[in-house]
Amino acid sequence: MLLRTNNQRLGAAAGQLASRIGPAAAGLHAALSSPHFGASVVTKSQLSASESAAKKKDLEERLVSQDEKEAKEPEVITLDSDSEPHTPLPPPKQFTPKPPATFPKPKHAGSTDDSDVIEILDELVPVRKGMSKSCEKDTSTVTRLNSLEAELRLKAVYNGTFLADVKAKYDLRGEQIKRRIVEDQVRCDFYSEQNRQRSAQALEERIRNHLSLTDVALEEEVEVVEDEEELPEITDEMEKVIKRAESSSGETLVDAFNISITCRDIDTLKGLNWLNDEVINFYMQMICERSKNEDNRPNVYAFNTFFYPKLASSGYTSIRRWTRKVDVFSFDLILVPVHLGMHWCLAIIDFRKPGVYYYDSMGGDNRKCLDLLVDYVKKEHQDKKKTPYDVSPFEQVIMKDIPQQMNGSDCGMFACKFAEYLSRDVAITFNQEHMPYFRRRMIYEIVSKKLLSP
């Protein structure tokens, strides 16, 4: 502020002397009177503070020298003190700023049309040379395409069911591998047994030859051969029924015992397919139905295929209500199909002997099953009869001298035929060679809802 005040005073003094010092002083007056004089010195930093003071001092000396030449009384102007009176100076010229640029106003308030904005931009930014407005693109209507997503959509991995499909594929492959492992194990056991028998026969023959040379008498063993049952022949009429069931197209073939049998269920009896729950449950119920209608048969009750897995995984309380309308202790024989994931076996509870017996066509040793069934008998009697049951007389036997399957597919067939033979109290005389016959015979029996005899 002090610098600006000094500049104004110098400008006033220069104005008083303008008439006497000529055009040069007039130009100096205009420069000193401008409000931008001090600002230009300070703000632009073109001259240092010492240079500005030197120029002002030189100007004062030049003014005094000019007055002396004209032989006039010099006029002293005091710049440092405000106490002495002085002649009023005319007001300095005011700086008039350039008026701001004006732009076209929008056509109407609240307009969403872009034409007003474009009109203003056209005033400020000229169109490039050689380019017309018709060449400008409307970017608001451009739709961007994600080329990566479009490419991925063509791949199977982008499908929402990709993981489920892969899992199903490898689950099926895993089942097939497990099945081949089981078949190979059965085949290995079969040939191992044959080799053992051949070795035993060769050893016995060598001993006999040696003893015959020494004249030692041997007692001849008499082999007891059980008479095999004569199985009924499948007639032409039976074959027609079987083929009609095999060629059906998904409809229900038979509905009984609260179980519906369709063509899909019948397919499990073809070739070397694994039997499913519906076929085994239906066959077990036909065995129970026969025992009711024939007086010379044991009184038989059969649990379904879900009983043992539930008992093994969740205990007695999970299946306690399954027999709320059945007295299992009123039967002679209880049939228990045992499903071990990929293998079927059969367990029976015989109240006549009494005991629990386990039949496995692959020679398994499932002691856990026997323990669970004995414990079930105790808890069932306590729950339904409200008295303890003495199971100390019960045998727990893994049956070994029974027919064995020679593949990995017929375990369900062996379990069903074990149940059918035991329900008649007859010796088990079938073997692996009978399985193709029994499969076709079972189709006829299920569709007819009647078991053939024997």
Protein backbone atom coordinates (compact mmCIF):
# COMPACT_ATOMS: atom_id res chain seq x y z
CA MET A 1 0.00 0.00 0.00
CA LEU A 2 2.81 2.39 0.87
CA LEU A 3 4.45 1.78 -2.50
CA ARG A 4 1.16 2.33 -4.32
CA THR A 5 0.59 5.64 -2.42
CA ASN A 6 4.06 6.89 -3.32
CA ASN A 7 3.44 6.04 -6.97
CA GLN A 8 0.21 8.03 -6.98
CA ARG A 9 1.97 11.06 -5.43
CA LEU A 10 4.67 10.87 -8.08
CA GLY A 11 2.02 10.71 -10.73
CA ALA A 12 0.34 13.85 -9.36
CA ALA A 13 3.60 15.73 -9.30
CA ALA A 14 4.37 14.69 -12.80
CA GLY A 15 0.96 16.02 -13.90
CA GLN A 16 1.68 19.49 -12.53
CA LEU A 17 4.93 19.64 -14.45
CA ALA A 18 3.54 18.14 -17.68
CA SER A 19 2.97 21.55 -19.30
CA ARG A 20 6.58 22.61 -18.68
CA ILE A 21 8.58 19.48 -19.53
CA GLY A 22 6.89 18.54 -22.77
CA PRO A 23 5.77 15.35 -24.32
CA ALA A 24 8.32 13.24 -22.45
CA ALA A 25 6.89 14.31 -19.11
CA ALA A 26 3.37 13.60 -20.37
CA GLY A 27 4.32 10.05 -21.19
CA LEU A 28 5.93 9.70 -17.79
CA HIS A 29 2.76 11.04 -16.19
CA ALA A 30 0.64 8.43 -17.93
CA ALA A 31 2.95 5.64 -16.90
CA LEU A 32 3.09 6.75 -13.26
CA SER A 33 -0.66 7.38 -13.09
CA SER A 34 -1.50 3.82 -14.20
CA PRO A 35 -2.65 1.57 -11.33
CA HIS A 36 -0.61 -1.24 -12.89
CA PHE A 37 2.71 0.58 -12.52
CA GLY A 38 3.55 -0.65 -9.04
CA ALA A 39 1.96 -3.99 -9.61
CA SER A 40 4.02 -4.60 -12.69
CA VAL A 41 7.19 -3.83 -10.77
CA VAL A 42 6.31 -6.05 -7.85
CA THR A 43 4.28 -8.85 -9.29
CA LYS A 44 6.26 -9.53 -12.41
CA SER A 45 9.55 -9.21 -10.56
CA GLN A 46 11.25 -7.66 -13.60
CA LEU A 47 13.27 -5.16 -11.48
CA SER A 48 14.70 -5.62 -8.08
CA ALA A 49 13.82 -3.31 -5.20
CA SER A 50 17.19 -1.51 -5.43
CA GLU A 51 16.74 -0.79 -9.15
CA SER A 52 13.27 0.73 -8.57
CA ALA A 53 14.60 3.08 -5.87
CA ALA A 54 17.49 4.18 -8.14
CA LYS A 55 15.13 5.02 -11.02
CA LYS A 56 12.85 7.10 -8.78
CA LYS A 57 15.81 9.05 -7.39
CA ASP A 58 17.12 9.71 -10.90
CA LEU A 59 13.68 11.01 -11.94
CA GLU A 60 13.58 13.47 -9.06
CA GLU A 61 17.03 14.81 -9.95
CA ARG A 62 16.01 15.29 -13.58
CA LEU A 63 12.89 17.24 -12.55
CA VAL A 64 14.88 19.59 -10.27
CA SER A 65 17.51 20.16 -12.96
CA GLN A 66 14.86 21.12 -15.49
CA ASP A 67 13.37 23.69 -13.14
CA GLU A 68 16.75 25.31 -12.54
CA LYS A 69 17.28 25.72 -16.26
CA GLU A 70 14.04 27.64 -16.64
CA ALA A 71 15.11 29.95 -13.73
CA LYS A 72 12.04 29.39 -11.81
CA GLU A 73 11.56 28.79 -8.19
CA PRO A 74 11.72 25.07 -7.68
CA GLU A 75 8.69 23.44 -6.24
CA VAL A 76 9.42 21.05 -3.46
CA ILE A 77 7.21 18.01 -3.20
CA THR A 78 7.38 16.06 0.03
CA LEU A 79 6.78 12.35 -0.41
CA ASP A 80 7.70 11.12 3.02
CA SER A 81 5.37 13.23 5.15
CA ASP A 82 1.62 13.73 5.05
CA SER A 83 1.50 16.59 7.63
CA GLU A 84 2.06 19.58 5.21
CA PRO A 85 -0.84 20.76 3.03
CA HIS A 86 -0.68 20.24 -0.71
CA THR A 87 -2.72 21.01 -3.74
CA PRO A 88 -5.39 18.37 -4.41
CA LEU A 89 -4.49 16.12 -7.25
CA PRO A 90 -6.89 14.95 -9.92
CA PRO A 91 -8.07 11.39 -9.40
CA PRO A 92 -6.07 8.77 -11.23
CA LYS A 93 -7.52 7.10 -14.26
CA GLN A 94 -9.53 4.03 -13.37
CA PHE A 95 -8.74 0.70 -14.98
CA THR A 96 -11.69 -0.57 -16.94
CA PRO A 97 -11.67 -4.42 -17.23
CA LYS A 98 -12.68 -6.03 -20.47
CA PRO A 99 -16.30 -7.17 -20.34
CA PRO A 100 -16.73 -10.97 -20.08
CA ALA A 101 -17.66 -12.96 -23.13
CA THR A 102 -21.34 -13.56 -23.58
CA PHE A 103 -22.76 -16.90 -24.64
CA PRO A 104 -26.16 -17.91 -25.97
CA LYS A 105 -28.59 -18.79 -23.22
CA PRO A 106 -30.33 -22.21 -23.20
CA LYS A 107 -33.63 -22.26 -25.02
CA HIS A 108 -35.54 -23.15 -21.87
CA ALA A 109 -34.73 -24.05 -18.27
CA GLY A 110 -34.48 -27.72 -17.40
CA SER A 111 -33.88 -28.79 -21.01
CA THR A 112 -32.33 -32.24 -21.39
CA ASP A 113 -31.55 -31.68 -25.06
CA ASP A 114 -27.82 -31.43 -25.84
CA SER A 115 -28.39 -28.85 -28.64
CA ASP A 116 -27.95 -25.90 -26.23
CA VAL A 117 -24.60 -27.22 -25.04
CA ILE A 118 -23.46 -27.92 -28.60
CA GLU A 119 -24.43 -24.38 -29.65
CA ILE A 120 -22.29 -22.89 -26.86
CA LEU A 121 -19.36 -25.19 -27.67
CA ASP A 122 -19.57 -24.20 -31.33
CA GLU A 123 -19.13 -20.56 -30.30
CA LEU A 124 -16.03 -21.37 -28.22
CA VAL A 125 -14.42 -24.21 -30.16
CA PRO A 126 -14.43 -23.87 -33.93
CA VAL A 127 -14.86 -26.95 -36.03
CA ARG A 128 -11.60 -28.27 -37.40
CA LYS A 129 -10.78 -27.49 -40.94
CA GLY A 130 -11.97 -30.22 -43.26
CA MET A 131 -14.37 -31.68 -40.71
CA SER A 132 -18.11 -31.09 -40.82
CA LYS A 133 -20.57 -31.55 -38.01
CA SER A 134 -22.18 -34.39 -39.91
CA CYS A 135 -18.97 -36.37 -39.42
CA GLU A 136 -19.19 -36.14 -35.64
CA LYS A 137 -20.24 -39.41 -33.97
CA ASP A 138 -22.97 -39.67 -31.38
CA THR A 139 -21.12 -41.54 -28.63
CA SER A 140 -24.28 -41.83 -26.54
CA THR A 141 -25.65 -44.50 -28.90
CA VAL A 142 -22.44 -46.58 -29.14
CA THR A 143 -22.80 -50.04 -27.53
CA ARG A 144 -19.55 -51.50 -26.29
CA LEU A 145 -19.03 -55.23 -26.92
CA ASN A 146 -17.04 -57.33 -24.44
CA SER A 147 -15.11 -59.50 -26.87
CA LEU A 148 -13.57 -61.59 -24.05
CA GLU A 149 -16.98 -62.52 -22.67
CA ALA A 150 -18.27 -63.34 -26.14
CA GLU A 151 -15.29 -65.62 -26.71
CA LEU A 152 -15.74 -67.33 -23.33
CA ARG A 153 -19.42 -67.99 -23.99
CA LEU A 154 -18.38 -70.25 -26.83
CA LYS A 155 -16.38 -72.47 -24.47
CA ALA A 156 -17.88 -75.31 -22.41
CA VAL A 157 -16.16 -74.07 -19.25
CA TYR A 158 -18.37 -70.94 -19.29
CA ASN A 159 -21.54 -73.06 -19.02
CA GLY A 160 -23.23 -72.98 -15.61
CA THR A 161 -23.47 -76.78 -15.51
CA PHE A 162 -19.81 -77.34 -16.41
CA LEU A 163 -18.70 -78.40 -12.91
CA ALA A 164 -21.73 -80.66 -12.41
CA ASP A 165 -21.09 -82.33 -15.78
CA VAL A 166 -17.41 -82.89 -14.97
CA LYS A 167 -18.28 -84.30 -11.54
CA ALA A 168 -20.88 -86.67 -13.01
CA LYS A 169 -18.40 -87.79 -15.66
CA TYR A 170 -15.67 -88.64 -13.18
CA ASP A 171 -18.10 -90.15 -10.67
CA LEU A 172 -19.24 -92.56 -13.38
CA ARG A 173 -15.65 -93.30 -14.31
CA GLY A 174 -14.86 -93.91 -10.63
CA GLU A 175 -17.75 -96.36 -10.32
CA GLN A 176 -16.55 -98.22 -13.39
CA ILE A 177 -13.02 -98.42 -12.01
CA LYS A 178 -14.28 -99.70 -8.67
CA ARG A 179 -16.40 -102.27 -10.44
CA ARG A 180 -13.41 -103.51 -12.45
CA ILE A 181 -11.37 -103.70 -9.25
CA VAL A 182 -14.04 -105.85 -7.61
CA GLU A 183 -14.27 -108.10 -10.66
CA ASP A 184 -10.51 -108.49 -10.81
CA GLN A 185 -10.40 -109.30 -7.11
CA VAL A 186 -13.09 -111.96 -7.52
CA ARG A 187 -11.28 -113.41 -10.50
CA CYS A 188 -8.01 -113.43 -8.57
CA ASP A 189 -9.62 -115.20 -5.62
CA PHE A 190 -11.24 -117.72 -7.93
CA TYR A 191 -8.00 -118.68 -9.66
CA SER A 192 -6.14 -118.69 -6.36
CA GLU A 193 -8.65 -121.18 -5.01
CA GLN A 194 -8.32 -123.30 -8.14
CA ASN A 195 -4.53 -123.29 -7.79
CA ARG A 196 -4.85 -124.27 -4.13
CA GLN A 197 -7.17 -127.16 -5.00
CA ARG A 198 -4.87 -128.37 -7.78
CA SER A 199 -1.90 -128.20 -5.43
CA ALA A 200 -3.82 -130.14 -2.77
CA GLN A 201 -4.87 -132.77 -5.31
CA ALA A 202 -1.32 -133.11 -6.63
CA LEU A 203 0.00 -133.48 -3.09
CA GLU A 204 -2.63 -136.07 -2.26
CA GLU A 205 -1.82 -138.02 -5.43
CA ARG A 206 1.87 -138.06 -4.59
CA ILE A 207 1.14 -139.31 -1.07
CA ARG A 208 -1.10 -142.07 -2.43
CA ASN A 209 1.54 -143.16 -4.89
CA HIS A 210 4.15 -143.22 -2.18
CA LEU A 211 1.97 -145.19 0.22
CA SER A 212 0.93 -147.66 -2.48
CA LEU A 213 4.59 -148.52 -2.95
CA THR A 214 4.89 -149.30 0.75
CA ASP A 215 1.64 -151.37 0.81
CA VAL A 216 -0.07 -149.16 3.40
CA ALA A 217 -3.86 -149.50 3.34
CA LEU A 218 -5.83 -146.22 3.15
CA GLU A 219 -9.42 -145.72 4.03
CA GLU A 220 -11.34 -144.41 1.09
CA GLU A 221 -13.25 -141.23 1.85
CA VAL A 222 -16.85 -141.34 0.79
CA GLU A 223 -17.88 -137.99 -0.61
CA VAL A 224 -21.41 -137.03 0.28
CA VAL A 225 -23.03 -135.26 -2.62
CA GLU A 226 -26.21 -133.38 -1.98
CA ASP A 227 -28.88 -133.86 -4.56
CA GLU A 228 -29.44 -130.73 -6.58
CA GLU A 229 -32.96 -129.52 -7.03
CA GLU A 230 -34.39 -129.85 -10.46
CA LEU A 231 -35.08 -126.34 -11.60
CA PRO A 232 -38.22 -125.68 -13.65
CA GLU A 233 -37.69 -124.98 -17.32
CA ILE A 234 -38.57 -121.59 -18.74
CA THR A 235 -41.32 -122.32 -21.26
CA ASP A 236 -42.15 -120.48 -24.47
CA GLU A 237 -45.05 -118.74 -22.75
CA MET A 238 -42.70 -117.55 -20.02
CA GLU A 239 -40.27 -116.27 -22.66
CA LYS A 240 -43.03 -114.19 -24.26
CA VAL A 241 -43.82 -112.58 -20.91
CA ILE A 242 -40.12 -111.92 -20.30
CA LYS A 243 -39.52 -110.36 -23.72
CA ARG A 244 -42.64 -108.21 -23.43
CA ALA A 245 -41.38 -106.87 -20.08
CA GLU A 246 -37.89 -106.22 -21.52
CA SER A 247 -39.28 -104.28 -24.50
CA SER A 248 -41.73 -102.11 -22.56
CA SER A 249 -41.26 -98.34 -22.80
CA GLY A 250 -41.14 -97.01 -19.25
CA GLU A 251 -44.66 -97.73 -18.06
CA THR A 252 -45.31 -99.46 -14.75
CA LEU A 253 -45.27 -103.21 -15.31
CA VAL A 254 -46.47 -104.28 -11.88
CA ASP A 255 -47.50 -102.49 -8.70
CA ALA A 256 -47.69 -104.48 -5.46
CA PHE A 257 -46.42 -104.35 -1.87
CA ASN A 258 -46.33 -100.51 -2.23
CA ILE A 259 -43.57 -100.95 -4.84
CA SER A 260 -43.87 -100.05 -8.53
CA ILE A 261 -41.73 -101.97 -11.01
CA THR A 262 -40.96 -100.33 -14.34
CA CYS A 263 -38.95 -101.30 -17.40
CA ARG A 264 -35.98 -99.48 -15.91
CA ASP A 265 -36.06 -101.79 -12.90
CA ILE A 266 -36.37 -104.86 -15.14
CA ASP A 267 -33.28 -103.71 -17.04
CA THR A 268 -31.17 -104.32 -13.91
CA LEU A 269 -31.88 -108.05 -14.33
CA LYS A 270 -30.41 -108.13 -17.82
CA GLY A 271 -26.89 -109.35 -18.55
CA LEU A 272 -24.44 -108.39 -15.79
CA ASN A 273 -26.25 -105.32 -14.47
CA TRP A 274 -26.42 -104.64 -10.74
CA LEU A 275 -29.80 -105.18 -9.12
CA ASN A 276 -31.43 -102.07 -7.64
CA ASP A 277 -33.39 -101.60 -4.41
CA GLU A 278 -36.82 -101.93 -6.03
CA VAL A 279 -36.12 -105.35 -7.53
CA ILE A 280 -34.60 -106.76 -4.32
CA ASN A 281 -37.36 -105.34 -2.08
CA PHE A 282 -40.07 -106.66 -4.40
CA TYR A 283 -38.51 -110.14 -4.48
CA MET A 284 -38.18 -110.24 -0.67
CA GLN A 285 -41.85 -109.36 -0.30
CA MET A 286 -42.84 -112.19 -2.66
CA ILE A 287 -40.90 -114.58 -0.39
CA CYS A 288 -42.85 -113.28 2.64
CA GLU A 289 -46.13 -113.56 0.75
CA ARG A 290 -45.40 -117.19 -0.13
CA SER A 291 -44.66 -118.04 3.50
CA LYS A 292 -48.14 -116.82 4.48
CA ASN A 293 -49.88 -119.02 1.93
CA GLU A 294 -47.96 -122.25 2.50
CA ASP A 295 -48.26 -123.99 5.85
CA ASN A 296 -45.12 -126.06 5.50
CA ARG A 297 -42.87 -123.01 5.15
CA PRO A 298 -41.24 -120.95 7.92
CA ASN A 299 -43.06 -117.75 8.81
CA VAL A 300 -40.84 -115.10 7.20
CA TYR A 301 -40.54 -111.32 7.58
CA ALA A 302 -38.17 -109.18 5.49
CA PHE A 303 -36.80 -105.71 6.16
CA ASN A 304 -36.27 -103.45 3.15
CA THR A 305 -32.86 -102.57 1.77
CA PHE A 306 -32.73 -99.25 3.68
CA PHE A 307 -33.02 -100.86 7.12
CA TYR A 308 -29.43 -101.97 7.66
CA PRO A 309 -27.69 -98.79 6.36
CA LYS A 310 -29.94 -96.70 8.61
CA LEU A 311 -29.32 -98.94 11.63
CA ALA A 312 -25.56 -98.89 11.03
CA SER A 313 -25.34 -95.10 10.57
CA SER A 314 -27.93 -93.76 13.04
CA GLY A 315 -28.62 -96.49 15.58
CA TYR A 316 -31.78 -98.14 16.88
CA THR A 317 -33.71 -94.94 17.62
CA SER A 318 -33.74 -94.02 13.91
CA ILE A 319 -35.64 -97.23 12.94
CA ARG A 320 -37.58 -97.88 16.17
CA ARG A 321 -40.91 -96.83 14.62
CA TRP A 322 -40.43 -98.92 11.50
CA THR A 323 -42.01 -101.93 13.27
CA ARG A 324 -44.68 -100.12 15.32
CA LYS A 325 -47.34 -102.31 13.62
CA VAL A 326 -45.20 -105.45 13.34
CA ASP A 327 -44.18 -107.97 15.98
CA VAL A 328 -40.88 -109.30 14.67
CA PHE A 329 -40.77 -111.91 17.47
CA SER A 330 -43.83 -113.64 16.02
CA PHE A 331 -41.86 -114.78 12.96
CA ASP A 332 -39.51 -117.72 12.54
CA LEU A 333 -37.09 -116.03 10.18
CA ILE A 334 -36.14 -112.39 9.60
CA LEU A 335 -34.46 -111.54 6.27
CA VAL A 336 -32.13 -108.52 6.28
CA PRO A 337 -30.69 -107.40 2.91
CA VAL A 338 -27.30 -105.82 3.61
CA HIS A 339 -26.13 -103.09 1.23
CA LEU A 340 -22.44 -102.19 1.57
CA GLY A 341 -22.34 -99.43 -1.03
CA MET A 342 -21.22 -101.53 -4.00
CA HIS A 343 -21.99 -105.01 -2.71
CA TRP A 344 -25.09 -106.94 -1.63
CA CYS A 345 -25.14 -109.54 1.14
CA LEU A 346 -27.81 -111.22 3.25
CA ALA A 347 -28.18 -111.59 7.01
CA ILE A 348 -30.91 -113.61 8.74
CA ILE A 349 -32.21 -113.69 12.29
CA ASP A 350 -33.46 -117.18 13.10
CA PHE A 351 -35.54 -117.35 16.29
CA ARG A 352 -35.83 -121.13 16.04
CA LYS A 353 -32.15 -122.03 16.55
CA PRO A 354 -31.63 -119.12 17.68
CA GLY A 355 -28.88 -117.13 15.97
CA VAL A 356 -27.77 -114.49 13.50
CA TYR A 357 -26.15 -115.68 10.26
CA TYR A 358 -24.32 -113.78 7.54
CA TYR A 359 -24.18 -114.85 3.87
CA ASP A 360 -21.64 -113.13 1.60
CA SER A 361 -21.06 -114.43 -1.93
CA MET A 362 -17.58 -112.88 -1.87
CA GLY A 363 -16.49 -114.39 1.45
CA GLY A 364 -16.63 -111.18 3.52
CA ASP A 365 -16.26 -111.21 7.31
CA ASN A 366 -18.73 -108.59 8.56
CA ARG A 367 -18.80 -109.09 12.35
CA LYS A 368 -20.18 -105.61 12.82
CA CYS A 369 -23.42 -106.64 11.10
CA LEU A 370 -23.91 -109.57 13.49
CA ASP A 371 -23.32 -107.38 16.54
CA LEU A 372 -25.75 -104.72 15.29
CA LEU A 373 -28.53 -107.25 14.67
CA VAL A 374 -28.14 -108.92 18.09
CA ASP A 375 -28.26 -105.50 19.73
CA TYR A 376 -31.34 -104.66 17.64
CA VAL A 377 -33.14 -107.76 18.95
CA LYS A 378 -32.44 -106.74 22.55
CA LYS A 379 -33.60 -103.14 22.12
CA GLU A 380 -36.62 -104.08 20.01
CA HIS A 381 -37.88 -106.49 22.65
CA GLN A 382 -37.33 -103.93 25.42
CA ASP A 383 -39.14 -101.23 23.41
CA LYS A 384 -42.12 -103.30 22.20
CA LYS A 385 -42.45 -105.93 24.97
CA LYS A 386 -41.14 -103.77 27.82
CA THR A 387 -39.04 -106.66 29.09
CA PRO A 388 -35.38 -107.59 28.56
CA TYR A 389 -34.51 -110.30 26.04
CA ASP A 390 -31.86 -112.92 26.67
CA VAL A 391 -29.61 -113.13 23.63
CA SER A 392 -26.95 -115.30 25.25
CA PRO A 393 -28.13 -118.41 23.31
CA PHE A 394 -27.81 -116.55 19.98
CA GLU A 395 -25.14 -117.78 17.59
CA GLN A 396 -23.25 -115.29 15.48
CA VAL A 397 -21.95 -117.07 12.40
CA ILE A 398 -20.25 -115.91 9.20
CA MET A 399 -21.28 -118.62 6.74
CA LYS A 400 -18.29 -119.85 4.74
CA ASP A 401 -19.35 -123.06 2.99
CA ILE A 402 -21.68 -121.30 0.56
CA PRO A 403 -21.61 -120.62 -3.20
CA GLN A 404 -19.33 -117.78 -4.32
CA GLN A 405 -19.81 -115.45 -7.25
CA MET A 406 -17.22 -115.45 -10.02
CA ASN A 407 -17.76 -111.88 -11.19
CA GLY A 408 -18.43 -108.44 -9.76
CA SER A 409 -22.07 -108.17 -10.88
CA ASP A 410 -24.12 -111.03 -9.42
CA CYS A 411 -23.95 -110.20 -5.69
CA GLY A 412 -27.58 -109.00 -5.69
CA MET A 413 -28.70 -112.21 -7.40
CA PHE A 414 -26.83 -114.34 -4.84
CA ALA A 415 -28.41 -112.42 -1.94
CA CYS A 416 -31.92 -112.94 -3.36
CA LYS A 417 -31.38 -116.65 -4.00
CA PHE A 418 -29.85 -117.15 -0.54
CA ALA A 419 -33.08 -115.70 0.91
CA GLU A 420 -35.31 -117.79 -1.35
CA TYR A 421 -33.58 -121.09 -0.48
CA LEU A 422 -33.35 -120.36 3.25
CA SER A 423 -37.04 -119.41 3.38
CA ARG A 424 -37.82 -123.00 2.25
CA ASP A 425 -35.34 -124.61 4.70
CA VAL A 426 -33.49 -126.35 1.87
CA ALA A 427 -29.81 -126.74 1.17
CA ILE A 428 -28.17 -124.08 -0.99
CA THR A 429 -27.17 -125.98 -4.12
CA PHE A 430 -26.98 -123.31 -6.83
CA ASN A 431 -23.75 -121.76 -8.11
CA GLN A 432 -22.45 -119.10 -10.50
CA GLU A 433 -23.51 -121.08 -13.56
CA HIS A 434 -27.18 -120.78 -12.58
CA MET A 435 -27.22 -116.99 -12.49
CA PRO A 436 -28.22 -116.32 -16.16
CA TYR A 437 -31.15 -118.71 -15.70
CA PHE A 438 -32.17 -117.11 -12.38
CA ARG A 439 -32.07 -113.61 -13.89
CA ARG A 440 -34.61 -114.46 -16.61
CA ARG A 441 -36.68 -116.50 -14.20
CA MET A 442 -36.82 -113.57 -11.75
CA ILE A 443 -38.15 -111.26 -14.50
CA TYR A 444 -41.02 -113.65 -15.06
CA GLU A 445 -41.67 -114.10 -11.32
CA ILE A 446 -41.75 -110.33 -10.66
CA VAL A 447 -44.05 -109.54 -13.60
CA SER A 448 -46.33 -112.46 -12.62
CA LYS A 449 -46.09 -111.63 -8.88
CA LYS A 450 -45.54 -115.28 -8.07
CA LEU A 451 -42.47 -117.39 -7.25
CA LEU A 452 -41.89 -120.57 -9.18
CA SER A 453 -41.43 -123.81 -7.26
CA PRO A 454 -38.94 -124.99 -6.36
